[in-house]
PDB file of all heavy atoms in Angstrom:
ATOM      1  N   VAL A   1      49.973  72.184 124.911  1.00  0.00           N
ATOM      2  CA  VAL A   1      49.309  71.109 124.219  1.00  0.00           C
ATOM      3  C   VAL A   1      49.051  69.905 125.149  1.00  0.00           C
ATOM      4  O   VAL A   1      49.966  69.525 125.862  1.00  0.00           O
ATOM      5  CB  VAL A   1      50.055  70.679 123.008  1.00  0.00           C
ATOM      6  CG1 VAL A   1      49.372  69.553 122.262  1.00  0.00           C
ATOM      7  CG2 VAL A   1      50.342  71.808 122.057  1.00  0.00           C
ATOM      8  N   VAL A   2      47.859  69.382 125.104  1.00  0.00           N
ATOM      9  CA  VAL A   2      47.491  68.167 125.832  1.00  0.00           C
ATOM     10  C   VAL A   2      46.786  67.266 124.755  1.00  0.00           C
ATOM     11  O   VAL A   2      46.395  67.753 123.753  1.00  0.00           O
ATOM     12  CB  VAL A   2      46.644  68.429 127.055  1.00  0.00           C
ATOM     13  CG1 VAL A   2      47.372  69.172 128.089  1.00  0.00           C
ATOM     14  CG2 VAL A   2      45.357  69.051 126.711  1.00  0.00           C
ATOM     15  N   ARG A   3      46.651  66.059 125.092  1.00  0.00           N
ATOM     16  CA  ARG A   3      45.874  65.117 124.251  1.00  0.00           C
ATOM     17  C   ARG A   3      44.681  64.669 125.054  1.00  0.00           C
ATOM     18  O   ARG A   3      44.729  64.349 126.215  1.00  0.00           O
ATOM     19  CB  ARG A   3      46.720  63.930 123.832  1.00  0.00           C
ATOM     20  CG  ARG A   3      47.810  64.275 122.886  1.00  0.00           C
ATOM     21  CD  ARG A   3      48.554  62.998 122.441  1.00  0.00           C
ATOM     22  NE  ARG A   3      49.697  63.334 121.685  1.00  0.00           N
ATOM     23  CZ  ARG A   3      49.710  63.447 120.349  1.00  0.00           C
ATOM     24  NH1 ARG A   3      48.587  63.196 119.657  1.00  0.00           N
ATOM     25  NH2 ARG A   3      50.801  63.714 119.683  1.00  0.00           N
ATOM     26  N   ASP A   4      43.558  64.573 124.321  1.00  0.00           N
ATOM     27  CA  ASP A   4      42.370  64.055 124.917  1.00  0.00           C
ATOM     28  C   ASP A   4      42.445  62.516 124.896  1.00  0.00           C
ATOM     29  O   ASP A   4      43.442  61.961 124.355  1.00  0.00           O
ATOM     30  CB  ASP A   4      41.079  64.584 124.285  1.00  0.00           C
ATOM     31  CG  ASP A   4      40.826  64.113 122.892  1.00  0.00           C
ATOM     32  OD1 ASP A   4      41.504  63.168 122.384  1.00  0.00           O
ATOM     33  OD2 ASP A   4      39.884  64.650 122.221  1.00  0.00           O
ATOM     34  N   GLU A   5      41.435  61.860 125.420  1.00  0.00           N
ATOM     35  CA  GLU A   5      41.521  60.422 125.544  1.00  0.00           C
ATOM     36  C   GLU A   5      41.568  59.705 124.192  1.00  0.00           C
ATOM     37  O   GLU A   5      42.141  58.649 124.095  1.00  0.00           O
ATOM     38  CB  GLU A   5      40.297  59.923 126.371  1.00  0.00           C
ATOM     39  CG  GLU A   5      40.539  58.599 126.967  1.00  0.00           C
ATOM     40  CD  GLU A   5      39.375  58.255 127.929  1.00  0.00           C
ATOM     41  OE1 GLU A   5      38.239  58.274 127.568  1.00  0.00           O
ATOM     42  OE2 GLU A   5      39.718  58.031 129.118  1.00  0.00           O
ATOM     43  N   ALA A   6      41.052  60.360 123.145  1.00  0.00           N
ATOM     44  CA  ALA A   6      41.099  59.741 121.825  1.00  0.00           C
ATOM     45  C   ALA A   6      42.403  60.078 121.136  1.00  0.00           C
ATOM     46  O   ALA A   6      42.664  59.636 119.985  1.00  0.00           O
ATOM     47  CB  ALA A   6      39.931  60.298 120.950  1.00  0.00           C
ATOM     48  N   GLY A   7      43.292  60.803 121.756  1.00  0.00           N
ATOM     49  CA  GLY A   7      44.619  61.174 121.185  1.00  0.00           C
ATOM     50  C   GLY A   7      44.677  62.453 120.424  1.00  0.00           C
ATOM     51  O   GLY A   7      45.688  62.864 119.888  1.00  0.00           O
ATOM     52  N   GLU A   8      43.534  63.169 120.352  1.00  0.00           N
ATOM     53  CA  GLU A   8      43.537  64.467 119.588  1.00  0.00           C
ATOM     54  C   GLU A   8      44.269  65.440 120.417  1.00  0.00           C
ATOM     55  O   GLU A   8      44.139  65.591 121.635  1.00  0.00           O
ATOM     56  CB  GLU A   8      42.026  64.870 119.359  1.00  0.00           C
ATOM     57  CG  GLU A   8      41.987  66.193 118.565  1.00  0.00           C
ATOM     58  CD  GLU A   8      40.552  66.596 118.207  1.00  0.00           C
ATOM     59  OE1 GLU A   8      39.616  66.074 118.780  1.00  0.00           O
ATOM     60  OE2 GLU A   8      40.406  67.441 117.364  1.00  0.00           O
ATOM     61  N   ARG A   9      45.059  66.286 119.700  1.00  0.00           N
ATOM     62  CA  ARG A   9      45.782  67.348 120.297  1.00  0.00           C
ATOM     63  C   ARG A   9      44.910  68.525 120.617  1.00  0.00           C
ATOM     64  O   ARG A   9      44.116  68.956 119.704  1.00  0.00           O
ATOM     65  CB  ARG A   9      46.949  67.783 119.445  1.00  0.00           C
ATOM     66  CG  ARG A   9      47.986  66.591 119.240  1.00  0.00           C
ATOM     67  CD  ARG A   9      48.972  66.926 118.175  1.00  0.00           C
ATOM     68  NE  ARG A   9      49.969  67.947 118.620  1.00  0.00           N
ATOM     69  CZ  ARG A   9      50.991  67.685 119.351  1.00  0.00           C
ATOM     70  NH1 ARG A   9      51.245  66.441 119.767  1.00  0.00           N
ATOM     71  NH2 ARG A   9      51.853  68.640 119.688  1.00  0.00           N
ATOM     72  N   LEU A  10      44.960  69.013 121.814  1.00  0.00           N
ATOM     73  CA  LEU A  10      44.177  70.226 122.186  1.00  0.00           C
ATOM     74  C   LEU A  10      45.161  71.318 122.587  1.00  0.00           C
ATOM     75  O   LEU A  10      46.154  71.042 123.221  1.00  0.00           O
ATOM     76  CB  LEU A  10      43.263  69.872 123.419  1.00  0.00           C
ATOM     77  CG  LEU A  10      42.354  68.708 123.266  1.00  0.00           C
ATOM     78  CD1 LEU A  10      41.627  68.422 124.577  1.00  0.00           C
ATOM     79  CD2 LEU A  10      41.320  68.993 122.169  1.00  0.00           C
ATOM     80  N   TYR A  11      44.864  72.526 122.187  1.00  0.00           N
ATOM     81  CA  TYR A  11      45.809  73.640 122.342  1.00  0.00           C
ATOM     82  C   TYR A  11      45.213  74.738 123.230  1.00  0.00           C
ATOM     83  O   TYR A  11      44.002  74.965 123.217  1.00  0.00           O
ATOM     84  CB  TYR A  11      46.118  74.241 120.946  1.00  0.00           C
ATOM     85  CG  TYR A  11      46.743  73.324 119.986  1.00  0.00           C
ATOM     86  CD1 TYR A  11      45.977  72.490 119.211  1.00  0.00           C
ATOM     87  CD2 TYR A  11      48.112  73.234 119.886  1.00  0.00           C
ATOM     88  CE1 TYR A  11      46.517  71.583 118.325  1.00  0.00           C
ATOM     89  CE2 TYR A  11      48.715  72.340 118.968  1.00  0.00           C
ATOM     90  CZ  TYR A  11      47.893  71.488 118.207  1.00  0.00           C
ATOM     91  OH  TYR A  11      48.441  70.632 117.292  1.00  0.00           O
ATOM     92  N   ARG A  12      46.087  75.421 123.967  1.00  0.00           N
ATOM     93  CA  ARG A  12      45.718  76.572 124.702  1.00  0.00           C
ATOM     94  C   ARG A  12      46.897  77.559 124.605  1.00  0.00           C
ATOM     95  O   ARG A  12      48.031  77.161 124.746  1.00  0.00           O
ATOM     96  CB  ARG A  12      45.410  76.239 126.205  1.00  0.00           C
ATOM     97  CG  ARG A  12      44.855  77.403 126.977  1.00  0.00           C
ATOM     98  CD  ARG A  12      44.660  76.995 128.424  1.00  0.00           C
ATOM     99  NE  ARG A  12      45.873  76.777 129.090  1.00  0.00           N
ATOM    100  CZ  ARG A  12      46.557  77.714 129.718  1.00  0.00           C
ATOM    101  NH1 ARG A  12      46.139  78.961 129.815  1.00  0.00           N
ATOM    102  NH2 ARG A  12      47.681  77.441 130.320  1.00  0.00           N
ATOM    103  N   TYR A  13      46.527  78.829 124.447  1.00  0.00           N
ATOM    104  CA  TYR A  13      47.571  79.853 124.388  1.00  0.00           C
ATOM    105  C   TYR A  13      48.249  79.914 125.736  1.00  0.00           C
ATOM    106  O   TYR A  13      47.654  79.961 126.829  1.00  0.00           O
ATOM    107  CB  TYR A  13      46.929  81.178 124.055  1.00  0.00           C
ATOM    108  CG  TYR A  13      47.892  82.358 124.005  1.00  0.00           C
ATOM    109  CD1 TYR A  13      48.805  82.402 122.951  1.00  0.00           C
ATOM    110  CD2 TYR A  13      47.892  83.314 125.007  1.00  0.00           C
ATOM    111  CE1 TYR A  13      49.694  83.454 122.869  1.00  0.00           C
ATOM    112  CE2 TYR A  13      48.820  84.315 124.903  1.00  0.00           C
ATOM    113  CZ  TYR A  13      49.709  84.438 123.866  1.00  0.00           C
ATOM    114  OH  TYR A  13      50.641  85.454 123.794  1.00  0.00           O
ATOM    115  N   ARG A  14      49.581  79.966 125.668  1.00  0.00           N
ATOM    116  CA  ARG A  14      50.351  80.060 126.864  1.00  0.00           C
ATOM    117  C   ARG A  14      50.605  81.475 127.203  1.00  0.00           C
ATOM    118  O   ARG A  14      51.277  82.194 126.417  1.00  0.00           O
ATOM    119  CB  ARG A  14      51.673  79.305 126.764  1.00  0.00           C
ATOM    120  CG  ARG A  14      52.548  79.321 128.033  1.00  0.00           C
ATOM    121  CD  ARG A  14      53.836  78.685 127.862  1.00  0.00           C
ATOM    122  NE  ARG A  14      53.708  77.247 127.641  1.00  0.00           N
ATOM    123  CZ  ARG A  14      54.597  76.493 127.149  1.00  0.00           C
ATOM    124  NH1 ARG A  14      55.800  76.955 126.858  1.00  0.00           N
ATOM    125  NH2 ARG A  14      54.459  75.186 126.888  1.00  0.00           N
ATOM    126  N   ARG A  15      50.110  81.981 128.340  1.00  0.00           N
ATOM    127  CA  ARG A  15      50.351  83.323 128.761  1.00  0.00           C
ATOM    128  C   ARG A  15      51.875  83.408 129.054  1.00  0.00           C
ATOM    129  O   ARG A  15      52.452  82.499 129.637  1.00  0.00           O
ATOM    130  CB  ARG A  15      49.638  83.638 129.976  1.00  0.00           C
ATOM    131  CG  ARG A  15      48.096  83.860 129.942  1.00  0.00           C
ATOM    132  CD  ARG A  15      47.475  83.527 128.680  1.00  0.00           C
ATOM    133  NE  ARG A  15      46.035  83.788 128.585  1.00  0.00           N
ATOM    134  CZ  ARG A  15      45.219  83.052 127.875  1.00  0.00           C
ATOM    135  NH1 ARG A  15      45.685  81.996 127.248  1.00  0.00           N
ATOM    136  NH2 ARG A  15      44.007  83.329 127.733  1.00  0.00           N
ATOM    137  N   PRO A  16      52.513  84.525 128.620  1.00  0.00           N
ATOM    138  CA  PRO A  16      53.962  84.647 128.863  1.00  0.00           C
ATOM    139  C   PRO A  16      54.406  84.408 130.264  1.00  0.00           C
ATOM    140  O   PRO A  16      55.505  83.845 130.468  1.00  0.00           O
ATOM    141  CB  PRO A  16      54.277  86.056 128.434  1.00  0.00           C
ATOM    142  CG  PRO A  16      53.116  86.448 127.529  1.00  0.00           C
ATOM    143  CD  PRO A  16      51.919  85.690 127.966  1.00  0.00           C
ATOM    144  N   GLU A  17      53.619  84.793 131.209  1.00  0.00           N
ATOM    145  CA  GLU A  17      53.982  84.641 132.645  1.00  0.00           C
ATOM    146  C   GLU A  17      53.920  83.152 133.103  1.00  0.00           C
ATOM    147  O   GLU A  17      54.454  82.800 134.125  1.00  0.00           O
ATOM    148  CB  GLU A  17      53.213  85.540 133.529  1.00  0.00           C
ATOM    149  CG  GLU A  17      51.730  85.191 133.650  1.00  0.00           C
ATOM    150  CD  GLU A  17      50.844  85.704 132.510  1.00  0.00           C
ATOM    151  OE1 GLU A  17      51.368  86.310 131.586  1.00  0.00           O
ATOM    152  OE2 GLU A  17      49.646  85.465 132.559  1.00  0.00           O
ATOM    153  N   ALA A  18      53.205  82.322 132.338  1.00  0.00           N
ATOM    154  CA  ALA A  18      52.956  80.938 132.785  1.00  0.00           C
ATOM    155  C   ALA A  18      54.179  80.077 132.640  1.00  0.00           C
ATOM    156  O   ALA A  18      54.442  79.224 133.416  1.00  0.00           O
ATOM    157  CB  ALA A  18      51.800  80.335 131.969  1.00  0.00           C
ATOM    158  N   GLY A  19      54.973  80.262 131.571  1.00  0.00           N
ATOM    159  CA  GLY A  19      56.157  79.357 131.372  1.00  0.00           C
ATOM    160  C   GLY A  19      55.746  77.958 131.056  1.00  0.00           C
ATOM    161  O   GLY A  19      54.480  77.700 130.808  1.00  0.00           O
ATOM    162  N   HIS A  20      56.657  77.036 131.160  1.00  0.00           N
ATOM    163  CA  HIS A  20      56.371  75.661 130.932  1.00  0.00           C
ATOM    164  C   HIS A  20      55.510  75.088 132.006  1.00  0.00           C
ATOM    165  O   HIS A  20      55.771  75.262 133.181  1.00  0.00           O
ATOM    166  CB  HIS A  20      57.737  74.829 130.844  1.00  0.00           C
ATOM    167  CG  HIS A  20      57.525  73.394 130.594  1.00  0.00           C
ATOM    168  ND1 HIS A  20      57.149  72.925 129.360  1.00  0.00           N
ATOM    169  CD2 HIS A  20      57.706  72.347 131.443  1.00  0.00           C
ATOM    170  CE1 HIS A  20      57.079  71.599 129.446  1.00  0.00           C
ATOM    171  NE2 HIS A  20      57.419  71.188 130.636  1.00  0.00           N
ATOM    172  N   CYS A  21      54.439  74.390 131.649  1.00  0.00           N
ATOM    173  CA  CYS A  21      53.477  73.907 132.643  1.00  0.00           C
ATOM    174  C   CYS A  21      52.842  72.572 132.180  1.00  0.00           C
ATOM    175  O   CYS A  21      52.824  72.296 131.006  1.00  0.00           O
ATOM    176  CB  CYS A  21      52.359  74.969 132.748  1.00  0.00           C
ATOM    177  SG  CYS A  21      51.353  74.704 134.222  1.00  0.00           S
ATOM    178  N   HIS A  22      52.489  71.753 133.150  1.00  0.00           N
ATOM    179  CA  HIS A  22      51.727  70.567 132.872  1.00  0.00           C
ATOM    180  C   HIS A  22      50.390  70.672 133.515  1.00  0.00           C
ATOM    181  O   HIS A  22      50.225  71.448 134.510  1.00  0.00           O
ATOM    182  CB  HIS A  22      52.457  69.361 133.499  1.00  0.00           C
ATOM    183  CG  HIS A  22      53.831  69.086 132.866  1.00  0.00           C
ATOM    184  ND1 HIS A  22      53.967  68.561 131.669  1.00  0.00           N
ATOM    185  CD2 HIS A  22      55.077  69.369 133.358  1.00  0.00           C
ATOM    186  CE1 HIS A  22      55.253  68.464 131.367  1.00  0.00           C
ATOM    187  NE2 HIS A  22      55.918  68.912 132.385  1.00  0.00           N
ATOM    188  N   TYR A  23      49.371  69.937 133.006  1.00  0.00           N
ATOM    189  CA  TYR A  23      47.996  70.147 133.437  1.00  0.00           C
ATOM    190  C   TYR A  23      47.352  68.767 133.784  1.00  0.00           C
ATOM    191  O   TYR A  23      47.676  67.745 133.228  1.00  0.00           O
ATOM    192  CB  TYR A  23      47.215  70.826 132.318  1.00  0.00           C
ATOM    193  CG  TYR A  23      47.626  72.113 131.967  1.00  0.00           C
ATOM    194  CD1 TYR A  23      48.619  72.321 130.957  1.00  0.00           C
ATOM    195  CD2 TYR A  23      47.194  73.270 132.684  1.00  0.00           C
ATOM    196  CE1 TYR A  23      49.079  73.547 130.656  1.00  0.00           C
ATOM    197  CE2 TYR A  23      47.689  74.532 132.365  1.00  0.00           C
ATOM    198  CZ  TYR A  23      48.620  74.670 131.350  1.00  0.00           C
ATOM    199  OH  TYR A  23      49.058  75.935 131.023  1.00  0.00           O
ATOM    200  N   LEU A  24      46.379  68.869 134.676  1.00  0.00           N
ATOM    201  CA  LEU A  24      45.416  67.784 134.899  1.00  0.00           C
ATOM    202  C   LEU A  24      44.181  68.243 134.189  1.00  0.00           C
ATOM    203  O   LEU A  24      43.656  69.288 134.384  1.00  0.00           O
ATOM    204  CB  LEU A  24      45.150  67.613 136.368  1.00  0.00           C
ATOM    205  CG  LEU A  24      44.164  66.563 136.757  1.00  0.00           C
ATOM    206  CD1 LEU A  24      44.540  65.215 136.275  1.00  0.00           C
ATOM    207  CD2 LEU A  24      43.994  66.586 138.285  1.00  0.00           C
ATOM    208  N   LEU A  25      43.690  67.373 133.211  1.00  0.00           N
ATOM    209  CA  LEU A  25      42.610  67.724 132.354  1.00  0.00           C
ATOM    210  C   LEU A  25      41.453  66.844 132.502  1.00  0.00           C
ATOM    211  O   LEU A  25      41.544  65.615 132.556  1.00  0.00           O
ATOM    212  CB  LEU A  25      43.123  67.611 130.884  1.00  0.00           C
ATOM    213  CG  LEU A  25      42.170  67.895 129.776  1.00  0.00           C
ATOM    214  CD1 LEU A  25      41.875  69.418 129.651  1.00  0.00           C
ATOM    215  CD2 LEU A  25      42.751  67.402 128.436  1.00  0.00           C
ATOM    216  N   CYS A  26      40.261  67.436 132.664  1.00  0.00           N
ATOM    217  CA  CYS A  26      39.025  66.618 132.722  1.00  0.00           C
ATOM    218  C   CYS A  26      38.691  66.111 131.356  1.00  0.00           C
ATOM    219  O   CYS A  26      38.537  66.910 130.409  1.00  0.00           O
ATOM    220  CB  CYS A  26      37.857  67.434 133.312  1.00  0.00           C
ATOM    221  SG  CYS A  26      36.296  66.506 133.398  1.00  0.00           S
ATOM    222  N   ARG A  27      38.510  64.796 131.222  1.00  0.00           N
ATOM    223  CA  ARG A  27      38.083  64.222 129.951  1.00  0.00           C
ATOM    224  C   ARG A  27      36.733  64.607 129.442  1.00  0.00           C
ATOM    225  O   ARG A  27      36.440  64.447 128.289  1.00  0.00           O
ATOM    226  CB  ARG A  27      38.245  62.711 130.031  1.00  0.00           C
ATOM    227  CG  ARG A  27      39.684  62.225 130.148  1.00  0.00           C
ATOM    228  CD  ARG A  27      39.743  60.699 130.093  1.00  0.00           C
ATOM    229  NE  ARG A  27      39.021  60.019 131.080  1.00  0.00           N
ATOM    230  CZ  ARG A  27      39.619  59.486 132.220  1.00  0.00           C
ATOM    231  NH1 ARG A  27      40.912  59.627 132.435  1.00  0.00           N
ATOM    232  NH2 ARG A  27      38.908  58.920 133.085  1.00  0.00           N
ATOM    233  N   ARG A  28      35.859  65.050 130.350  1.00  0.00           N
ATOM    234  CA  ARG A  28      34.486  65.367 129.969  1.00  0.00           C
ATOM    235  C   ARG A  28      34.374  66.830 129.564  1.00  0.00           C
ATOM    236  O   ARG A  28      33.854  67.130 128.515  1.00  0.00           O
ATOM    237  CB  ARG A  28      33.536  64.988 131.060  1.00  0.00           C
ATOM    238  CG  ARG A  28      33.426  63.509 131.291  1.00  0.00           C
ATOM    239  CD  ARG A  28      32.355  63.195 132.241  1.00  0.00           C
ATOM    240  NE  ARG A  28      32.352  61.762 132.554  1.00  0.00           N
ATOM    241  CZ  ARG A  28      31.688  61.217 133.486  1.00  0.00           C
ATOM    242  NH1 ARG A  28      31.022  61.996 134.356  1.00  0.00           N
ATOM    243  NH2 ARG A  28      31.771  59.924 133.689  1.00  0.00           N
ATOM    244  N   CYS A  29      34.706  67.747 130.489  1.00  0.00           N
ATOM    245  CA  CYS A  29      34.460  69.179 130.233  1.00  0.00           C
ATOM    246  C   CYS A  29      35.666  69.964 129.883  1.00  0.00           C
ATOM    247  O   CYS A  29      35.571  71.142 129.592  1.00  0.00           O
ATOM    248  CB  CYS A  29      33.784  69.759 131.484  1.00  0.00           C
ATOM    249  SG  CYS A  29      34.916  69.919 132.922  1.00  0.00           S
ATOM    250  N   ARG A  30      36.822  69.347 129.941  1.00  0.00           N
ATOM    251  CA  ARG A  30      38.111  70.025 129.670  1.00  0.00           C
ATOM    252  C   ARG A  30      38.564  70.994 130.636  1.00  0.00           C
ATOM    253  O   ARG A  30      39.460  71.761 130.426  1.00  0.00           O
ATOM    254  CB  ARG A  30      38.114  70.623 128.246  1.00  0.00           C
ATOM    255  CG  ARG A  30      38.055  69.557 127.175  1.00  0.00           C
ATOM    256  CD  ARG A  30      38.376  70.229 125.842  1.00  0.00           C
ATOM    257  NE  ARG A  30      38.103  69.270 124.793  1.00  0.00           N
ATOM    258  CZ  ARG A  30      37.956  69.578 123.543  1.00  0.00           C
ATOM    259  NH1 ARG A  30      38.038  70.779 123.176  1.00  0.00           N
ATOM    260  NH2 ARG A  30      37.661  68.710 122.665  1.00  0.00           N
ATOM    261  N   ARG A  31      37.911  70.975 131.863  1.00  0.00           N
ATOM    262  CA  ARG A  31      38.446  71.870 132.874  1.00  0.00           C
ATOM    263  C   ARG A  31      39.878  71.407 133.129  1.00  0.00           C
ATOM    264  O   ARG A  31      40.255  70.251 133.114  1.00  0.00           O
ATOM    265  CB  ARG A  31      37.685  71.614 134.183  1.00  0.00           C
ATOM    266  CG  ARG A  31      38.158  72.382 135.362  1.00  0.00           C
ATOM    267  CD  ARG A  31      37.221  72.191 136.596  1.00  0.00           C
ATOM    268  NE  ARG A  31      37.820  72.793 137.693  1.00  0.00           N
ATOM    269  CZ  ARG A  31      38.165  72.150 138.784  1.00  0.00           C
ATOM    270  NH1 ARG A  31      37.986  70.879 138.894  1.00  0.00           N
ATOM    271  NH2 ARG A  31      38.782  72.808 139.755  1.00  0.00           N
ATOM    272  N   HIS A  32      40.773  72.374 133.404  1.00  0.00           N
ATOM    273  CA  HIS A  32      42.133  71.987 133.537  1.00  0.00           C
ATOM    274  C   HIS A  32      42.772  72.775 134.695  1.00  0.00           C
ATOM    275  O   HIS A  32      42.305  73.885 135.024  1.00  0.00           O
ATOM    276  CB  HIS A  32      42.938  72.253 132.256  1.00  0.00           C
ATOM    277  CG  HIS A  32      42.861  73.674 131.775  1.00  0.00           C
ATOM    278  ND1 HIS A  32      41.800  74.125 131.082  1.00  0.00           N
ATOM    279  CD2 HIS A  32      43.758  74.722 131.912  1.00  0.00           C
ATOM    280  CE1 HIS A  32      41.963  75.438 130.745  1.00  0.00           C
ATOM    281  NE2 HIS A  32      43.115  75.789 131.308  1.00  0.00           N
ATOM    282  N   GLU A  33      43.692  72.153 135.308  1.00  0.00           N
ATOM    283  CA  GLU A  33      44.419  72.763 136.469  1.00  0.00           C
ATOM    284  C   GLU A  33      45.912  72.570 136.225  1.00  0.00           C
ATOM    285  O   GLU A  33      46.343  71.438 135.955  1.00  0.00           O
ATOM    286  CB  GLU A  33      43.993  72.116 137.763  1.00  0.00           C
ATOM    287  CG  GLU A  33      42.528  72.315 138.110  1.00  0.00           C
ATOM    288  CD  GLU A  33      42.226  71.815 139.518  1.00  0.00           C
ATOM    289  OE1 GLU A  33      43.126  71.685 140.372  1.00  0.00           O
ATOM    290  OE2 GLU A  33      40.981  71.568 139.726  1.00  0.00           O
ATOM    291  N   PRO A  34      46.652  73.653 136.385  1.00  0.00           N
ATOM    292  CA  PRO A  34      48.086  73.483 136.297  1.00  0.00           C
ATOM    293  C   PRO A  34      48.626  72.689 137.500  1.00  0.00           C
ATOM    294  O   PRO A  34      48.016  72.781 138.580  1.00  0.00           O
ATOM    295  CB  PRO A  34      48.630  74.903 136.292  1.00  0.00           C
ATOM    296  CG  PRO A  34      47.543  75.752 136.831  1.00  0.00           C
ATOM    297  CD  PRO A  34      46.240  75.000 136.620  1.00  0.00           C
ATOM    298  N   LEU A  35      49.685  71.910 137.268  1.00  0.00           N
ATOM    299  CA  LEU A  35      50.188  71.060 138.312  1.00  0.00           C
ATOM    300  C   LEU A  35      51.569  71.566 138.812  1.00  0.00           C
ATOM    301  O   LEU A  35      52.322  72.073 137.975  1.00  0.00           O
ATOM    302  CB  LEU A  35      50.335  69.622 137.780  1.00  0.00           C
ATOM    303  CG  LEU A  35      49.054  68.984 137.398  1.00  0.00           C
ATOM    304  CD1 LEU A  35      49.373  67.611 136.688  1.00  0.00           C
ATOM    305  CD2 LEU A  35      48.135  68.792 138.567  1.00  0.00           C
ATOM    306  N   ASP A  36      51.836  71.363 140.021  1.00  0.00           N
ATOM    307  CA  ASP A  36      53.190  71.586 140.514  1.00  0.00           C
ATOM    308  C   ASP A  36      53.991  70.355 140.180  1.00  0.00           C
ATOM    309  O   ASP A  36      53.865  69.302 140.752  1.00  0.00           O
ATOM    310  CB  ASP A  36      53.192  71.814 142.023  1.00  0.00           C
ATOM    311  CG  ASP A  36      54.554  72.003 142.635  1.00  0.00           C
ATOM    312  OD1 ASP A  36      55.550  72.108 141.823  1.00  0.00           O
ATOM    313  OD2 ASP A  36      54.657  72.062 143.873  1.00  0.00           O
TER     314      ASP A  36
END
């Protein structure tokens, strides 16, 4: 789960192999990249 700039919760299915992850999310197109 991430929040967009308006505070709305956005969801993405977590693949079992992904584990706990944080993302950098584009506010315009929602492109996302997992972060180390």
